[in-house]
Amino acid sequence: GYIVEGTNATFGTSVSIQPVIRNYGVSGRGAAVVVGSDVYFYASRRGIVSLAQTEQSKVRGVDMPLSEPIQPLIDRIDPRYESNIRLAWWNNGLYVACPLDGGGVGGSCNAILHYDFINQSWSSHDSGDAINPVEFFTAQYNNSQRLFYIGADGFINLIEENDSGDDLADLTQEDGLETTDFESYLLTRGYHT
């Protein structure tokens, strides 16, 4: 990619072309998000990378992908459906909706990866029948700004709300929802005796 720099001078003297980052770029619309003065995006087969602004207001590419610690998950993203990947920033976290292992119906996203900027680590990988984001958006809910996504099933889903399972559409239920269990696991380092 390249950056065009402008000042108050005439156009001919104010434009310069500078290489920012070579050999990769964003995979599609919605696969990038601004976090503070940085831009995070999904680059095909490389993972989540970023552009950062220096103290001299120059843009530089960060060579080490943010997603390096979860590269086995990144390798499972189906390159045929990378245009479906969506990123969102909310509540000090980066949310990455992606199609793992062929994705859902028609290559839709079937997983959400979460990076916690406070702890500076990847904190979760959510997948299941109810995880099918098409687009993220934020909206006011119970007097606070919350993150939602529109699912491939046509439902609007609230992120980080239910701690007892995933809500699935079930029109036979009075509220139109069925709660299914979700699995959690903790991976610790191994110790030798």
Protein backbone atom coordinates (compact mmCIF):
# COMPACT_ATOMS: atom_id res chain seq x y z
CA GLY A 1 0.00 0.00 0.00
CA TYR A 2 0.98 3.60 -0.34
CA ILE A 3 0.18 6.80 1.52
CA VAL A 4 -0.45 10.21 0.03
CA GLU A 5 0.66 13.08 2.21
CA GLY A 6 -0.82 16.55 1.90
CA THR A 7 -0.11 20.03 3.27
CA ASN A 8 -1.46 23.50 2.57
CA ALA A 9 0.97 23.92 -0.35
CA THR A 10 -0.01 23.36 -3.96
CA PHE A 11 -0.91 19.84 -4.98
CA GLY A 12 2.21 19.32 -7.09
CA THR A 13 4.57 20.07 -4.19
CA SER A 14 2.55 18.45 -1.40
CA VAL A 15 2.08 14.91 -2.67
CA SER A 16 4.59 12.17 -2.04
CA ILE A 17 4.29 8.42 -2.42
CA GLN A 18 5.82 6.30 0.30
CA PRO A 19 5.70 2.52 0.59
CA VAL A 20 3.97 1.57 3.83
CA ILE A 21 3.76 -2.20 3.75
CA ARG A 22 4.52 -4.62 0.94
CA ASN A 23 3.17 -7.98 -0.19
CA TYR A 24 -0.16 -8.02 1.63
CA GLY A 25 -3.30 -6.02 2.28
CA VAL A 26 -6.82 -6.20 3.65
CA SER A 27 -8.88 -9.17 2.45
CA GLY A 28 -12.18 -7.34 1.93
CA ARG A 29 -14.68 -4.74 3.09
CA GLY A 30 -15.22 -4.96 6.82
CA ALA A 31 -11.97 -6.83 7.50
CA ALA A 32 -10.31 -3.76 9.06
CA VAL A 33 -10.96 -1.65 12.13
CA VAL A 34 -9.41 1.48 13.68
CA VAL A 35 -8.17 1.10 17.26
CA GLY A 36 -6.90 4.41 18.63
CA SER A 37 -4.35 5.64 16.08
CA ASP A 38 -3.69 2.15 14.67
CA VAL A 39 -5.50 0.13 12.02
CA TYR A 40 -5.88 -3.63 12.41
CA PHE A 41 -6.84 -5.82 9.48
CA TYR A 42 -6.89 -9.39 8.26
CA ALA A 43 -4.28 -10.09 5.60
CA SER A 44 -4.76 -13.27 3.61
CA ARG A 45 -2.99 -16.28 5.18
CA ARG A 46 -0.85 -13.91 7.24
CA GLY A 47 -3.36 -13.20 9.97
CA ILE A 48 -4.25 -10.06 11.91
CA VAL A 49 -1.70 -7.33 11.20
CA SER A 50 -1.63 -3.60 11.80
CA LEU A 51 -0.52 -0.21 10.62
CA ALA A 52 0.72 2.09 13.36
CA GLN A 53 1.28 5.83 13.45
CA THR A 54 4.71 6.95 14.61
CA GLU A 55 5.44 10.02 16.73
CA GLN A 56 6.38 11.84 13.51
CA SER A 57 2.86 11.12 12.15
CA LYS A 58 4.21 8.61 9.64
CA VAL A 59 2.43 5.34 9.00
CA ARG A 60 4.43 2.15 9.37
CA GLY A 61 3.51 -1.49 8.94
CA VAL A 62 3.98 -3.83 11.89
CA ASP A 63 5.71 -6.92 10.52
CA MET A 64 4.87 -9.41 13.28
CA PRO A 65 1.17 -10.35 13.03
CA LEU A 66 -0.89 -9.77 16.16
CA SER A 67 -2.33 -13.24 15.54
CA GLU A 68 1.05 -15.03 15.67
CA PRO A 69 0.20 -16.82 18.98
CA ILE A 70 -2.95 -18.32 17.40
CA GLN A 71 -1.49 -19.14 13.99
CA PRO A 72 -2.97 -22.69 14.01
CA LEU A 73 -6.45 -21.08 14.11
CA ILE A 74 -5.52 -18.57 11.40
CA ASP A 75 -4.36 -21.47 9.21
CA ARG A 76 -7.88 -22.95 9.48
CA ILE A 77 -9.50 -19.87 7.87
CA ASP A 78 -10.84 -20.85 4.47
CA PRO A 79 -9.20 -18.58 1.85
CA ARG A 80 -12.20 -18.99 -0.48
CA TYR A 81 -14.36 -17.04 1.99
CA GLU A 82 -11.91 -14.43 3.33
CA SER A 83 -14.15 -11.67 1.97
CA ASN A 84 -16.66 -12.62 4.71
CA ILE A 85 -14.22 -11.81 7.54
CA ARG A 86 -15.31 -8.92 9.74
CA LEU A 87 -13.44 -7.08 12.49
CA ALA A 88 -14.87 -4.93 15.28
CA TRP A 89 -13.42 -3.09 18.26
CA TRP A 90 -15.45 -2.79 21.45
CA ASN A 91 -14.74 -2.62 25.18
CA ASN A 92 -10.94 -2.83 24.78
CA GLY A 93 -11.23 -5.92 22.63
CA LEU A 94 -10.76 -6.86 19.00
CA TYR A 95 -13.42 -9.20 17.62
CA VAL A 96 -12.65 -11.20 14.48
CA ALA A 97 -15.48 -13.11 12.78
CA CYS A 98 -14.02 -15.70 10.41
CA PRO A 99 -14.90 -18.86 8.47
CA LEU A 100 -12.96 -21.77 9.99
CA ASP A 101 -12.71 -25.16 8.28
CA GLY A 102 -14.91 -24.22 5.32
CA GLY A 103 -17.13 -21.89 7.32
CA GLY A 104 -20.86 -22.14 7.83
CA VAL A 105 -23.57 -22.18 5.18
CA GLY A 106 -22.18 -20.68 1.97
CA GLY A 107 -18.82 -19.97 3.61
CA SER A 108 -20.28 -17.68 6.27
CA CYS A 109 -18.28 -16.94 9.41
CA ASN A 110 -18.64 -19.64 12.06
CA ALA A 111 -16.18 -18.42 14.69
CA ILE A 112 -15.31 -15.28 16.63
CA LEU A 113 -11.77 -14.73 17.86
CA HIS A 114 -11.27 -12.21 20.66
CA TYR A 115 -8.12 -10.23 21.48
CA ASP A 116 -7.99 -8.44 24.85
CA PHE A 117 -6.00 -5.18 24.57
CA ILE A 118 -5.80 -4.78 28.36
CA ASN A 119 -4.10 -8.15 28.90
CA GLN A 120 -2.50 -8.00 25.43
CA SER A 121 -3.43 -11.57 24.58
CA TRP A 122 -5.96 -13.63 22.67
CA SER A 123 -8.59 -14.54 25.22
CA SER A 124 -11.21 -16.65 23.46
CA HIS A 125 -12.27 -18.51 20.36
CA ASP A 126 -16.05 -18.92 20.13
CA SER A 127 -17.72 -21.25 17.68
CA GLY A 128 -20.99 -23.14 17.53
CA ASP A 129 -24.36 -23.23 15.81
CA ALA A 130 -25.27 -19.77 17.10
CA ILE A 131 -22.00 -18.16 15.96
CA ASN A 132 -22.65 -16.94 12.40
CA PRO A 133 -21.76 -13.23 12.13
CA VAL A 134 -22.29 -11.38 8.86
CA GLU A 135 -21.81 -7.79 10.12
CA PHE A 136 -20.83 -6.22 13.45
CA PHE A 137 -22.37 -2.99 14.71
CA THR A 138 -22.60 -1.04 17.98
CA ALA A 139 -25.81 0.33 19.47
CA GLN A 140 -27.17 1.65 22.74
CA TYR A 141 -28.58 -1.10 25.00
CA ASN A 142 -29.52 -0.66 28.68
CA ASN A 143 -27.81 2.75 28.79
CA SER A 144 -24.47 1.57 27.43
CA GLN A 145 -22.85 1.12 24.04
CA ARG A 146 -22.83 -2.59 23.15
CA LEU A 147 -21.53 -4.75 20.31
CA PHE A 148 -24.00 -6.72 18.19
CA TYR A 149 -23.81 -8.75 15.03
CA ILE A 150 -26.32 -9.62 12.36
CA GLY A 151 -26.22 -13.39 11.91
CA ALA A 152 -26.50 -15.43 8.73
CA ASP A 153 -29.75 -16.79 10.21
CA GLY A 154 -31.31 -13.29 10.12
CA PHE A 155 -31.18 -12.72 13.88
CA ILE A 156 -29.45 -9.84 15.67
CA ASN A 157 -27.13 -11.09 18.40
CA LEU A 158 -25.75 -9.25 21.42
CA ILE A 159 -22.08 -9.99 22.18
CA GLU A 160 -20.93 -10.85 25.74
CA GLU A 161 -24.40 -11.09 27.23
CA ASN A 162 -25.33 -14.70 28.01
CA ASP A 163 -22.97 -16.61 30.30
CA SER A 164 -25.00 -19.82 30.41
CA GLY A 165 -25.01 -20.86 26.74
CA ASP A 166 -25.69 -19.83 23.18
CA ASP A 167 -29.13 -18.59 22.17
CA LEU A 168 -30.47 -20.30 19.05
CA ALA A 169 -33.63 -19.54 17.14
CA ASP A 170 -36.44 -21.92 18.14
CA LEU A 171 -39.88 -20.67 17.18
CA THR A 172 -41.54 -23.48 19.17
CA GLN A 173 -40.44 -21.73 22.38
CA GLU A 174 -42.47 -18.87 23.87
CA ASP A 175 -39.63 -16.34 23.50
CA GLY A 176 -38.45 -17.81 20.17
CA LEU A 177 -35.10 -18.91 21.61
CA GLU A 178 -33.45 -22.08 22.78
CA THR A 179 -30.32 -22.04 24.92
CA THR A 180 -27.64 -24.57 24.11
CA ASP A 181 -24.62 -25.36 26.24
CA PHE A 182 -21.16 -24.15 25.29
CA GLU A 183 -17.83 -25.72 26.08
CA SER A 184 -14.91 -24.02 27.74
CA TYR A 185 -11.39 -25.27 28.21
CA LEU A 186 -8.24 -23.93 29.78
CA LEU A 187 -4.86 -24.71 28.26
CA THR A 188 -1.99 -24.46 30.73
CA ARG A 189 1.67 -25.14 30.26
CA GLY A 190 2.94 -28.62 31.00
CA TYR A 191 5.27 -29.51 33.83
CA HIS A 192 7.90 -32.26 33.78
CA THR A 193 8.71 -34.30 36.86
